[in-house]
Each structure stands twice: as structure tokens, then as C-alpha cells.
Amino acid sequence: MRTLSRIVIGISGASGAMLGIRIVELLATSGCETHLVVSQGAERTIAHEAGSDALRRIQDMAAYCHSIDDLGATIASGSFRTSGMIVAPCSMRTLSAIASSGADNLLVRAADVHLKERRKLVLLTRETPLHLGHIRAMAAASEIGAIIAPPVPAYYRKPQSVADIIDHTARRAIDLIGLDIGVLAEPWSGIR
């Protein structure tokens, strides 16, 4: 009997909502049990960047949707085992809260649980340019176990569209969790 993989997907209010949306789409088709938590800022960003129906669409794709305010949700407990968590995009506010263990909402609490349980936590941090406070928050999150993965385009792949860039970035984020679920990014084959 195959064990079902569980992944938590957090979407925070930074620009780049399509990254989180694409991750939900890919995981929904992979057979993973997905747990989605969306910040209030992300709700606004999703509507602006992806349309007014996009939030409902990804909520329908996710196996479970959790309210940002529900600190009693299953994903707030270390006893609820998962394969990992991806925050895409990860705003600097969310990154800072994760780095300082300021678990005042479910997205940050779930991230904190992944860190304390030594599970994979991938943060697709979104901001540019960076000031020293951002860099220090990224270093602090990395020091406590998070994987910092800014969504930088893989130009060597010669993307033909923004959708190509989003798809590759989403697949790489899923790769970083370490699951073999059939949605992996195409591996680098060298320069020919």
C-alpha cells in the first residue's frame, strides 16, 4: 500500500502569487494530500495578479484549506506528519516572523512546526532590492533549517514565456522537498 504524501502550501502576500498557484496545481495532480493556508495579504494579491476566481480555484484543488487564524488546525501540530512545507511566495514579513518564531498566524505556526520537527521548509522569498534586514532574516531562517529559494529564473533553460519560468520554479520548489511524485523539474544535462 502506497503512503500518501502530505504537503503544506503557504501563500503569503508578496507579489508572485502564480508561484503558489502553480505549486498547488502540480501537487493536486500528483496525488499528494495538500494542505493550503493563505494569508489575508495573499488573498488580495491573488485576486490582483491571477483574477477574482483564482483563490476559489486553488481552494477547490487543495485537499484541505485552513484559515490563517486557525491556530488549532492539524498543521499547527508536530504530531501531524508531513513531507514538508513550501511558502510561495514568501513575503519579507512572513520570512521575518518565521525567522524569529513569531507564530501569530497559522502560516507562520505551520512553518515553525516544520522547523522544530526537522522537516523540509522551502521559502520562495520575494523582494528586491534587499536591505541588510532582509538578508539577516534569510540567514536566520537558513540557520534554523529553512531552505531559502528566491524564485530566480533559470535562463539557461531558455524559457519562452513567463508561464515557463513559473512552471520551472514551482517544480524546483517541489524538488527541494525531496519527493518523487512525477512533477520534478527537468534536470540539467550540461552545455552541448
N, C-alpha and C. Protein backbone atom coordinates (compact mmCIF):
# COMPACT_ATOMS: atom_id res chain seq x y z
N MET A 1 0.83 -1.17 0.00
CA MET A 1 0.00 0.00 0.00
C MET A 1 0.89 1.24 0.00
N ARG A 2 0.62 2.19 -0.92
CA ARG A 2 1.40 3.41 -1.06
C ARG A 2 0.98 4.40 0.03
N THR A 3 1.99 4.98 0.70
CA THR A 3 1.72 6.01 1.69
C THR A 3 1.50 7.33 0.98
N LEU A 4 0.41 8.00 1.32
CA LEU A 4 0.10 9.28 0.72
C LEU A 4 1.00 10.35 1.30
N SER A 5 1.62 11.17 0.44
CA SER A 5 2.44 12.27 0.89
C SER A 5 1.57 13.46 1.24
N ARG A 6 1.94 14.16 2.31
CA ARG A 6 1.26 15.38 2.71
C ARG A 6 2.21 16.55 2.55
N ILE A 7 1.72 17.58 1.91
CA ILE A 7 2.50 18.80 1.74
C ILE A 7 1.65 19.98 2.20
N VAL A 8 2.26 20.88 2.95
CA VAL A 8 1.60 22.13 3.32
C VAL A 8 2.09 23.20 2.36
N ILE A 9 1.15 23.96 1.81
CA ILE A 9 1.48 25.07 0.93
C ILE A 9 0.97 26.34 1.58
N GLY A 10 1.88 27.27 1.83
CA GLY A 10 1.51 28.58 2.34
C GLY A 10 1.69 29.60 1.24
N ILE A 11 0.75 30.50 1.13
CA ILE A 11 0.86 31.60 0.17
C ILE A 11 0.74 32.88 0.97
N SER A 12 1.80 33.70 0.94
CA SER A 12 1.76 34.98 1.66
C SER A 12 1.58 36.12 0.67
N GLY A 13 1.53 37.34 1.17
CA GLY A 13 1.08 38.48 0.37
C GLY A 13 2.07 39.12 -0.58
N ALA A 14 3.23 38.56 -0.78
CA ALA A 14 4.19 39.13 -1.73
C ALA A 14 3.72 38.92 -3.16
N SER A 15 4.23 39.75 -4.05
CA SER A 15 3.96 39.54 -5.47
C SER A 15 4.54 38.20 -5.90
N GLY A 16 3.89 37.56 -6.84
CA GLY A 16 4.33 36.24 -7.29
C GLY A 16 3.35 35.15 -6.93
N ALA A 17 2.08 35.53 -6.78
CA ALA A 17 1.05 34.56 -6.39
C ALA A 17 0.98 33.37 -7.34
N MET A 18 1.32 33.58 -8.60
CA MET A 18 1.26 32.48 -9.56
C MET A 18 2.19 31.34 -9.18
N LEU A 19 3.25 31.62 -8.44
CA LEU A 19 4.15 30.55 -7.99
C LEU A 19 3.41 29.59 -7.06
N GLY A 20 2.72 30.14 -6.07
CA GLY A 20 1.95 29.30 -5.16
C GLY A 20 0.82 28.58 -5.87
N ILE A 21 0.16 29.29 -6.77
CA ILE A 21 -0.94 28.68 -7.53
C ILE A 21 -0.43 27.49 -8.33
N ARG A 22 0.69 27.65 -9.02
CA ARG A 22 1.23 26.57 -9.84
C ARG A 22 1.67 25.39 -8.98
N ILE A 23 2.22 25.64 -7.81
CA ILE A 23 2.60 24.56 -6.91
C ILE A 23 1.36 23.77 -6.49
N VAL A 24 0.28 24.47 -6.15
CA VAL A 24 -0.96 23.78 -5.79
C VAL A 24 -1.45 22.94 -6.96
N GLU A 25 -1.42 23.50 -8.17
CA GLU A 25 -1.87 22.75 -9.36
C GLU A 25 -1.05 21.48 -9.56
N LEU A 26 0.26 21.60 -9.49
CA LEU A 26 1.13 20.44 -9.70
C LEU A 26 0.93 19.37 -8.63
N LEU A 27 0.84 19.79 -7.38
CA LEU A 27 0.67 18.82 -6.30
C LEU A 27 -0.71 18.17 -6.33
N ALA A 28 -1.72 18.93 -6.74
CA ALA A 28 -3.08 18.37 -6.82
C ALA A 28 -3.16 17.25 -7.84
N THR A 29 -2.39 17.35 -8.91
CA THR A 29 -2.42 16.31 -9.95
C THR A 29 -1.47 15.15 -9.63
N SER A 30 -0.66 15.29 -8.57
CA SER A 30 0.34 14.27 -8.25
C SER A 30 -0.18 13.21 -7.28
N GLY A 31 -1.32 13.46 -6.68
CA GLY A 31 -1.84 12.52 -5.68
C GLY A 31 -1.44 12.86 -4.26
N CYS A 32 -0.72 13.96 -4.07
CA CYS A 32 -0.35 14.40 -2.73
C CYS A 32 -1.58 14.91 -1.99
N GLU A 33 -1.57 14.74 -0.69
CA GLU A 33 -2.58 15.36 0.17
C GLU A 33 -2.08 16.77 0.47
N THR A 34 -2.75 17.77 -0.07
CA THR A 34 -2.29 19.15 0.06
C THR A 34 -3.10 19.89 1.11
N HIS A 35 -2.37 20.66 1.91
CA HIS A 35 -2.96 21.49 2.95
C HIS A 35 -2.58 22.94 2.64
N LEU A 36 -3.57 23.76 2.35
CA LEU A 36 -3.35 25.13 1.89
C LEU A 36 -3.71 26.12 2.98
N VAL A 37 -2.83 27.10 3.20
CA VAL A 37 -3.13 28.23 4.09
C VAL A 37 -2.67 29.51 3.37
N VAL A 38 -3.59 30.47 3.30
CA VAL A 38 -3.38 31.69 2.53
C VAL A 38 -3.53 32.89 3.46
N SER A 39 -2.55 33.78 3.45
CA SER A 39 -2.64 34.97 4.30
C SER A 39 -3.66 35.95 3.72
N GLN A 40 -4.07 36.90 4.54
CA GLN A 40 -5.03 37.91 4.08
C GLN A 40 -4.42 38.76 2.98
N GLY A 41 -3.14 39.09 3.11
CA GLY A 41 -2.46 39.84 2.04
C GLY A 41 -2.41 39.05 0.76
N ALA A 42 -2.22 37.75 0.87
CA ALA A 42 -2.17 36.89 -0.32
C ALA A 42 -3.52 36.84 -1.03
N GLU A 43 -4.61 36.87 -0.28
CA GLU A 43 -5.93 36.88 -0.91
C GLU A 43 -6.05 38.06 -1.86
N ARG A 44 -5.60 39.22 -1.42
CA ARG A 44 -5.65 40.43 -2.26
C ARG A 44 -4.70 40.30 -3.46
N THR A 45 -3.50 39.80 -3.20
CA THR A 45 -2.51 39.67 -4.28
C THR A 45 -2.96 38.65 -5.32
N ILE A 46 -3.54 37.54 -4.88
CA ILE A 46 -4.04 36.53 -5.82
C ILE A 46 -5.11 37.13 -6.71
N ALA A 47 -6.05 37.86 -6.12
CA ALA A 47 -7.12 38.48 -6.91
C ALA A 47 -6.54 39.46 -7.92
N HIS A 48 -5.55 40.25 -7.51
CA HIS A 48 -4.95 41.24 -8.41
C HIS A 48 -4.13 40.60 -9.52
N GLU A 49 -3.32 39.60 -9.17
CA GLU A 49 -2.40 39.02 -10.15
C GLU A 49 -2.99 37.89 -10.97
N ALA A 50 -3.99 37.18 -10.42
CA ALA A 50 -4.49 35.98 -11.10
C ALA A 50 -6.00 36.01 -11.37
N GLY A 51 -6.69 37.02 -10.91
CA GLY A 51 -8.12 37.12 -11.16
C GLY A 51 -8.96 36.78 -9.94
N SER A 52 -10.18 37.27 -9.95
CA SER A 52 -11.06 37.15 -8.78
C SER A 52 -11.47 35.72 -8.46
N ASP A 53 -11.39 34.81 -9.42
CA ASP A 53 -11.79 33.43 -9.17
C ASP A 53 -10.61 32.50 -8.83
N ALA A 54 -9.39 33.02 -8.86
CA ALA A 54 -8.20 32.18 -8.68
C ALA A 54 -8.12 31.57 -7.29
N LEU A 55 -8.47 32.33 -6.26
CA LEU A 55 -8.41 31.79 -4.90
C LEU A 55 -9.36 30.61 -4.75
N ARG A 56 -10.58 30.76 -5.20
CA ARG A 56 -11.57 29.67 -5.11
C ARG A 56 -11.08 28.45 -5.90
N ARG A 57 -10.46 28.69 -7.05
CA ARG A 57 -9.97 27.59 -7.89
C ARG A 57 -8.91 26.77 -7.17
N ILE A 58 -7.93 27.43 -6.52
CA ILE A 58 -6.90 26.64 -5.84
C ILE A 58 -7.44 26.04 -4.55
N GLN A 59 -8.39 26.69 -3.91
CA GLN A 59 -9.01 26.09 -2.73
C GLN A 59 -9.74 24.81 -3.11
N ASP A 60 -10.36 24.81 -4.28
CA ASP A 60 -11.05 23.61 -4.76
C ASP A 60 -10.06 22.49 -5.10
N MET A 61 -8.85 22.85 -5.52
CA MET A 61 -7.84 21.84 -5.87
C MET A 61 -7.17 21.24 -4.64
N ALA A 62 -7.03 22.03 -3.59
CA ALA A 62 -6.35 21.56 -2.38
C ALA A 62 -7.23 20.55 -1.66
N ALA A 63 -6.59 19.56 -1.06
CA ALA A 63 -7.34 18.56 -0.29
C ALA A 63 -7.96 19.21 0.95
N TYR A 64 -7.23 20.12 1.59
CA TYR A 64 -7.70 20.80 2.78
C TYR A 64 -7.29 22.27 2.71
N CYS A 65 -8.19 23.15 3.11
CA CYS A 65 -7.91 24.58 3.22
C CYS A 65 -8.06 24.98 4.68
N HIS A 66 -7.09 25.72 5.18
CA HIS A 66 -7.09 26.13 6.58
C HIS A 66 -7.13 27.65 6.66
N SER A 67 -7.88 28.17 7.59
CA SER A 67 -7.96 29.61 7.83
C SER A 67 -6.66 30.09 8.46
N ILE A 68 -6.20 31.24 8.04
CA ILE A 68 -4.97 31.83 8.57
C ILE A 68 -5.05 32.03 10.08
N ASP A 69 -6.25 32.17 10.61
CA ASP A 69 -6.43 32.42 12.05
C ASP A 69 -6.63 31.16 12.88
N ASP A 70 -6.68 29.99 12.25
CA ASP A 70 -6.99 28.75 12.96
C ASP A 70 -5.73 28.10 13.53
N LEU A 71 -5.28 28.61 14.67
CA LEU A 71 -4.07 28.06 15.30
C LEU A 71 -4.29 26.68 15.90
N GLY A 72 -5.53 26.19 15.86
CA GLY A 72 -5.83 24.84 16.32
C GLY A 72 -5.93 23.83 15.18
N ALA A 73 -5.59 24.24 13.97
CA ALA A 73 -5.67 23.34 12.80
C ALA A 73 -4.65 22.21 12.93
N THR A 74 -4.90 21.14 12.20
CA THR A 74 -4.00 19.98 12.24
C THR A 74 -2.56 20.36 11.93
N ILE A 75 -2.36 21.24 10.94
CA ILE A 75 -0.99 21.59 10.51
C ILE A 75 -0.24 22.44 11.53
N ALA A 76 -0.91 22.82 12.63
CA ALA A 76 -0.25 23.58 13.70
C ALA A 76 0.41 22.67 14.72
N SER A 77 0.32 21.36 14.53
CA SER A 77 0.87 20.41 15.49
C SER A 77 1.97 19.56 14.88
N GLY A 78 3.01 19.35 15.64
CA GLY A 78 4.10 18.48 15.20
C GLY A 78 3.69 17.03 15.07
N SER A 79 2.62 16.64 15.72
CA SER A 79 2.15 15.25 15.62
C SER A 79 1.48 14.97 14.28
N PHE A 80 1.16 16.03 13.53
CA PHE A 80 0.58 15.87 12.20
C PHE A 80 1.73 15.81 11.21
N ARG A 81 2.06 14.59 10.80
CA ARG A 81 3.25 14.37 9.97
C ARG A 81 3.03 14.81 8.53
N THR A 82 4.04 15.47 7.99
CA THR A 82 4.02 15.87 6.58
C THR A 82 5.37 15.57 5.95
N SER A 83 5.41 15.67 4.63
CA SER A 83 6.68 15.53 3.92
C SER A 83 7.42 16.85 3.83
N GLY A 84 6.72 17.95 4.10
CA GLY A 84 7.35 19.26 4.04
C GLY A 84 6.35 20.36 3.78
N MET A 85 6.88 21.58 3.72
CA MET A 85 6.07 22.77 3.50
C MET A 85 6.79 23.71 2.56
N ILE A 86 6.00 24.34 1.68
CA ILE A 86 6.51 25.35 0.77
C ILE A 86 5.72 26.63 1.00
N VAL A 87 6.41 27.75 1.16
CA VAL A 87 5.76 29.06 1.22
C VAL A 87 6.14 29.80 -0.06
N ALA A 88 5.13 30.00 -0.91
CA ALA A 88 5.38 30.57 -2.24
C ALA A 88 4.23 31.48 -2.65
N PRO A 89 4.46 32.74 -2.80
CA PRO A 89 5.69 33.44 -2.44
C PRO A 89 5.76 33.66 -0.93
N CYS A 90 6.95 33.97 -0.47
CA CYS A 90 7.17 34.24 0.95
C CYS A 90 7.55 35.71 1.09
N SER A 91 6.65 36.49 1.67
CA SER A 91 6.91 37.92 1.87
C SER A 91 8.00 38.10 2.92
N MET A 92 8.59 39.26 2.95
CA MET A 92 9.60 39.57 3.97
C MET A 92 8.97 39.59 5.36
N ARG A 93 7.72 39.99 5.47
CA ARG A 93 7.03 39.96 6.76
C ARG A 93 6.91 38.53 7.26
N THR A 94 6.50 37.61 6.37
CA THR A 94 6.37 36.21 6.74
C THR A 94 7.73 35.60 7.03
N LEU A 95 8.72 35.90 6.21
CA LEU A 95 10.09 35.41 6.45
C LEU A 95 10.57 35.87 7.82
N SER A 96 10.38 37.14 8.14
CA SER A 96 10.84 37.67 9.42
C SER A 96 10.14 36.98 10.59
N ALA A 97 8.84 36.74 10.45
CA ALA A 97 8.10 36.05 11.52
C ALA A 97 8.60 34.62 11.68
N ILE A 98 8.86 33.93 10.57
CA ILE A 98 9.39 32.56 10.64
C ILE A 98 10.77 32.56 11.29
N ALA A 99 11.63 33.49 10.87
CA ALA A 99 13.00 33.53 11.39
C ALA A 99 13.04 33.81 12.88
N SER A 100 12.04 34.54 13.39
CA SER A 100 12.03 34.89 14.81
C SER A 100 11.04 34.05 15.62
N SER A 101 10.46 33.02 14.99
CA SER A 101 9.49 32.12 15.64
C SER A 101 8.27 32.86 16.16
N GLY A 102 7.87 33.90 15.45
CA GLY A 102 6.70 34.70 15.83
C GLY A 102 5.43 34.12 15.26
N ALA A 103 5.01 32.99 15.78
CA ALA A 103 3.90 32.20 15.22
C ALA A 103 2.54 32.77 15.61
N ASP A 104 2.19 33.94 15.08
CA ASP A 104 0.92 34.58 15.42
C ASP A 104 -0.20 34.30 14.43
N ASN A 105 0.10 33.50 13.40
CA ASN A 105 -0.95 33.04 12.48
C ASN A 105 -0.60 31.62 12.04
N LEU A 106 -1.53 30.97 11.37
CA LEU A 106 -1.34 29.55 11.04
C LEU A 106 -0.22 29.32 10.04
N LEU A 107 -0.03 30.21 9.09
CA LEU A 107 1.04 30.02 8.11
C LEU A 107 2.39 29.98 8.83
N VAL A 108 2.63 30.95 9.68
CA VAL A 108 3.91 31.01 10.40
C VAL A 108 4.01 29.87 11.41
N ARG A 109 2.92 29.54 12.08
CA ARG A 109 2.94 28.42 13.04
C ARG A 109 3.27 27.11 12.33
N ALA A 110 2.66 26.85 11.18
CA ALA A 110 2.94 25.62 10.43
C ALA A 110 4.41 25.58 10.01
N ALA A 111 4.95 26.72 9.59
CA ALA A 111 6.37 26.78 9.22
C ALA A 111 7.24 26.48 10.44
N ASP A 112 6.87 27.06 11.57
CA ASP A 112 7.61 26.83 12.81
C ASP A 112 7.59 25.36 13.20
N VAL A 113 6.44 24.71 13.03
CA VAL A 113 6.32 23.28 13.32
C VAL A 113 7.27 22.48 12.42
N HIS A 114 7.33 22.84 11.14
CA HIS A 114 8.24 22.11 10.24
C HIS A 114 9.69 22.26 10.68
N LEU A 115 10.05 23.44 11.13
CA LEU A 115 11.42 23.64 11.60
C LEU A 115 11.70 22.86 12.88
N LYS A 116 10.79 22.91 13.85
CA LYS A 116 11.05 22.22 15.12
C LYS A 116 11.05 20.71 14.96
N GLU A 117 10.29 20.20 13.99
CA GLU A 117 10.23 18.76 13.74
C GLU A 117 11.30 18.31 12.74
N ARG A 118 12.13 19.25 12.30
CA ARG A 118 13.22 18.98 11.35
C ARG A 118 12.69 18.46 10.00
N ARG A 119 11.57 19.04 9.57
CA ARG A 119 11.01 18.71 8.26
C ARG A 119 11.40 19.81 7.27
N LYS A 120 11.34 19.49 6.01
CA LYS A 120 11.72 20.45 4.97
C LYS A 120 10.75 21.64 4.96
N LEU A 121 11.33 22.84 4.92
CA LEU A 121 10.58 24.08 4.78
C LEU A 121 11.27 24.89 3.70
N VAL A 122 10.57 25.11 2.59
CA VAL A 122 11.12 25.84 1.44
C VAL A 122 10.44 27.19 1.37
N LEU A 123 11.23 28.26 1.38
CA LEU A 123 10.71 29.62 1.34
C LEU A 123 11.12 30.30 0.04
N LEU A 124 10.14 30.59 -0.82
CA LEU A 124 10.39 31.31 -2.07
C LEU A 124 10.26 32.80 -1.76
N THR A 125 11.34 33.35 -1.22
CA THR A 125 11.34 34.74 -0.77
C THR A 125 11.26 35.71 -1.94
N ARG A 126 10.41 36.72 -1.76
CA ARG A 126 10.14 37.68 -2.83
C ARG A 126 10.36 39.10 -2.36
N GLU A 127 11.42 39.71 -2.79
CA GLU A 127 11.67 41.14 -2.57
C GLU A 127 12.91 41.52 -3.36
N THR A 128 12.93 42.72 -3.84
CA THR A 128 14.12 43.25 -4.49
C THR A 128 13.99 44.76 -4.57
N PRO A 129 15.05 45.49 -4.35
CA PRO A 129 16.34 45.03 -3.82
C PRO A 129 16.20 44.65 -2.35
N LEU A 130 17.22 43.99 -1.85
CA LEU A 130 17.24 43.56 -0.46
C LEU A 130 18.05 44.53 0.37
N HIS A 131 17.57 44.83 1.58
CA HIS A 131 18.41 45.57 2.52
C HIS A 131 18.97 44.58 3.54
N LEU A 132 19.83 45.06 4.39
CA LEU A 132 20.52 44.18 5.33
C LEU A 132 19.56 43.42 6.25
N GLY A 133 18.45 44.04 6.63
CA GLY A 133 17.46 43.36 7.46
C GLY A 133 16.88 42.14 6.77
N HIS A 134 16.60 42.24 5.47
CA HIS A 134 16.10 41.10 4.70
C HIS A 134 17.15 39.98 4.67
N ILE A 135 18.38 40.38 4.40
CA ILE A 135 19.46 39.40 4.29
C ILE A 135 19.68 38.69 5.63
N ARG A 136 19.62 39.45 6.71
CA ARG A 136 19.79 38.85 8.04
C ARG A 136 18.63 37.90 8.37
N ALA A 137 17.41 38.28 7.98
CA ALA A 137 16.27 37.39 8.22
C ALA A 137 16.41 36.10 7.42
N MET A 138 16.89 36.20 6.18
CA MET A 138 17.12 34.99 5.38
C MET A 138 18.20 34.13 6.02
N ALA A 139 19.26 34.75 6.50
CA ALA A 139 20.34 34.00 7.16
C ALA A 139 19.81 33.32 8.42
N ALA A 140 19.01 34.04 9.21
CA ALA A 140 18.46 33.47 10.44
C ALA A 140 17.55 32.28 10.13
N ALA A 141 16.69 32.41 9.13
CA ALA A 141 15.81 31.30 8.75
C ALA A 141 16.62 30.11 8.25
N SER A 142 17.66 30.37 7.48
CA SER A 142 18.52 29.29 6.99
C SER A 142 19.25 28.60 8.15
N GLU A 143 19.71 29.37 9.11
CA GLU A 143 20.42 28.80 10.25
C GLU A 143 19.54 27.87 11.08
N ILE A 144 18.23 28.11 11.09
CA ILE A 144 17.35 27.23 11.88
C ILE A 144 16.72 26.13 11.03
N GLY A 145 17.13 26.04 9.75
CA GLY A 145 16.74 24.88 8.96
C GLY A 145 15.92 25.12 7.71
N ALA A 146 15.50 26.35 7.47
CA ALA A 146 14.71 26.63 6.25
C ALA A 146 15.61 26.62 5.02
N ILE A 147 15.01 26.29 3.90
CA ILE A 147 15.69 26.38 2.61
C ILE A 147 15.20 27.66 1.95
N ILE A 148 16.11 28.59 1.72
CA ILE A 148 15.77 29.87 1.09
C ILE A 148 15.97 29.70 -0.41
N ALA A 149 14.88 29.87 -1.16
CA ALA A 149 14.92 29.63 -2.61
C ALA A 149 14.23 30.78 -3.35
N PRO A 150 14.90 31.92 -3.49
CA PRO A 150 14.28 33.01 -4.23
C PRO A 150 13.92 32.55 -5.64
N PRO A 151 12.78 32.95 -6.14
CA PRO A 151 12.34 32.49 -7.47
C PRO A 151 13.08 33.20 -8.60
N VAL A 152 14.33 32.81 -8.79
CA VAL A 152 15.18 33.39 -9.82
C VAL A 152 15.03 32.55 -11.09
N PRO A 153 14.71 33.18 -12.22
CA PRO A 153 14.52 32.40 -13.46
C PRO A 153 15.78 31.63 -13.86
N ALA A 154 15.58 30.43 -14.38
CA ALA A 154 16.66 29.60 -14.90
C ALA A 154 16.83 29.95 -16.39
N TYR A 155 17.57 31.01 -16.66
CA TYR A 155 17.70 31.50 -18.04
C TYR A 155 18.33 30.47 -18.96
N TYR A 156 19.17 29.60 -18.41
CA TYR A 156 19.82 28.56 -19.23
C TYR A 156 18.80 27.61 -19.85
N ARG A 157 17.58 27.58 -19.30
CA ARG A 157 16.51 26.75 -19.86
C ARG A 157 15.87 27.39 -21.08
N LYS A 158 16.23 28.64 -21.35
CA LYS A 158 15.70 29.41 -22.48
C LYS A 158 14.16 29.43 -22.46
N PRO A 159 13.59 29.95 -21.38
CA PRO A 159 12.12 29.99 -21.27
C PRO A 159 11.52 30.83 -22.39
N GLN A 160 10.38 30.37 -22.89
CA GLN A 160 9.70 31.07 -23.98
C GLN A 160 8.58 31.98 -23.47
N SER A 161 8.25 31.85 -22.18
CA SER A 161 7.15 32.64 -21.63
C SER A 161 7.31 32.76 -20.12
N VAL A 162 6.55 33.67 -19.54
CA VAL A 162 6.52 33.79 -18.08
C VAL A 162 5.98 32.48 -17.49
N ALA A 163 5.03 31.86 -18.16
CA ALA A 163 4.48 30.58 -17.68
C ALA A 163 5.57 29.52 -17.58
N ASP A 164 6.52 29.50 -18.52
CA ASP A 164 7.64 28.56 -18.46
C ASP A 164 8.49 28.80 -17.21
N ILE A 165 8.73 30.07 -16.90
CA ILE A 165 9.53 30.43 -15.72
C ILE A 165 8.81 30.01 -14.45
N ILE A 166 7.52 30.30 -14.37
CA ILE A 166 6.72 29.94 -13.20
C ILE A 166 6.70 28.42 -13.02
N ASP A 167 6.47 27.70 -14.11
CA ASP A 167 6.40 26.23 -14.04
C ASP A 167 7.72 25.64 -13.54
N HIS A 168 8.83 26.08 -14.09
CA HIS A 168 10.13 25.54 -13.68
C HIS A 168 10.41 25.86 -12.22
N THR A 169 10.12 27.09 -11.80
CA THR A 169 10.35 27.49 -10.42
C THR A 169 9.49 26.67 -9.46
N ALA A 170 8.24 26.46 -9.81
CA ALA A 170 7.34 25.66 -8.97
C ALA A 170 7.84 24.22 -8.86
N ARG A 171 8.27 23.65 -9.98
CA ARG A 171 8.78 22.28 -9.96
C ARG A 171 10.06 22.17 -9.14
N ARG A 172 10.93 23.18 -9.21
CA ARG A 172 12.16 23.17 -8.41
C ARG A 172 11.84 23.24 -6.92
N ALA A 173 10.84 24.06 -6.57
CA ALA A 173 10.45 24.16 -5.15
C ALA A 173 9.97 22.80 -4.64
N ILE A 174 9.17 22.11 -5.45
CA ILE A 174 8.69 20.78 -5.08
C ILE A 174 9.87 19.80 -4.99
N ASP A 175 10.82 19.91 -5.93
CA ASP A 175 12.02 19.07 -5.89
C ASP A 175 12.75 19.20 -4.56
N LEU A 176 12.79 20.42 -4.02
CA LEU A 176 13.54 20.66 -2.79
C LEU A 176 12.94 19.93 -1.58
N ILE A 177 11.66 19.56 -1.66
CA ILE A 177 11.05 18.76 -0.60
C ILE A 177 11.60 17.34 -0.64
N GLY A 178 11.98 16.87 -1.84
CA GLY A 178 12.61 15.56 -1.95
C GLY A 178 11.68 14.41 -2.25
N LEU A 179 10.51 14.71 -2.80
CA LEU A 179 9.56 13.65 -3.14
C LEU A 179 9.69 13.26 -4.61
N ASP A 180 9.51 12.01 -4.89
CA ASP A 180 9.46 11.55 -6.28
C ASP A 180 7.99 11.35 -6.63
N ILE A 181 7.36 12.43 -7.08
CA ILE A 181 5.92 12.39 -7.33
C ILE A 181 5.56 12.72 -8.77
N GLY A 182 6.54 12.67 -9.64
CA GLY A 182 6.24 12.84 -11.06
C GLY A 182 6.09 14.27 -11.54
N VAL A 183 6.45 15.26 -10.74
CA VAL A 183 6.35 16.65 -11.18
C VAL A 183 7.70 17.35 -11.11
N LEU A 184 8.77 16.57 -11.14
CA LEU A 184 10.09 17.13 -10.98
C LEU A 184 10.49 18.04 -12.13
N ALA A 185 11.34 19.01 -11.82
CA ALA A 185 11.89 19.88 -12.86
C ALA A 185 12.85 19.06 -13.72
N GLU A 186 12.92 19.38 -14.98
CA GLU A 186 13.84 18.68 -15.88
C GLU A 186 15.27 18.94 -15.41
N PRO A 187 16.05 17.87 -15.20
CA PRO A 187 17.41 18.06 -14.69
C PRO A 187 18.33 18.68 -15.74
N TRP A 188 19.33 19.37 -15.27
CA TRP A 188 20.35 19.97 -16.13
C TRP A 188 21.14 18.87 -16.80
N SER A 189 21.32 18.97 -18.10
CA SER A 189 22.07 17.95 -18.84
C SER A 189 23.40 18.45 -19.36
N GLY A 190 23.79 19.63 -18.96
CA GLY A 190 25.08 20.18 -19.38
C GLY A 190 24.96 20.98 -20.67
N ILE A 191 26.03 21.68 -20.98
CA ILE A 191 26.08 22.50 -22.18
C ILE A 191 26.61 21.64 -23.32
N ARG A 192 25.92 21.73 -24.42
CA ARG A 192 26.35 20.94 -25.59
C ARG A 192 26.84 21.82 -26.68
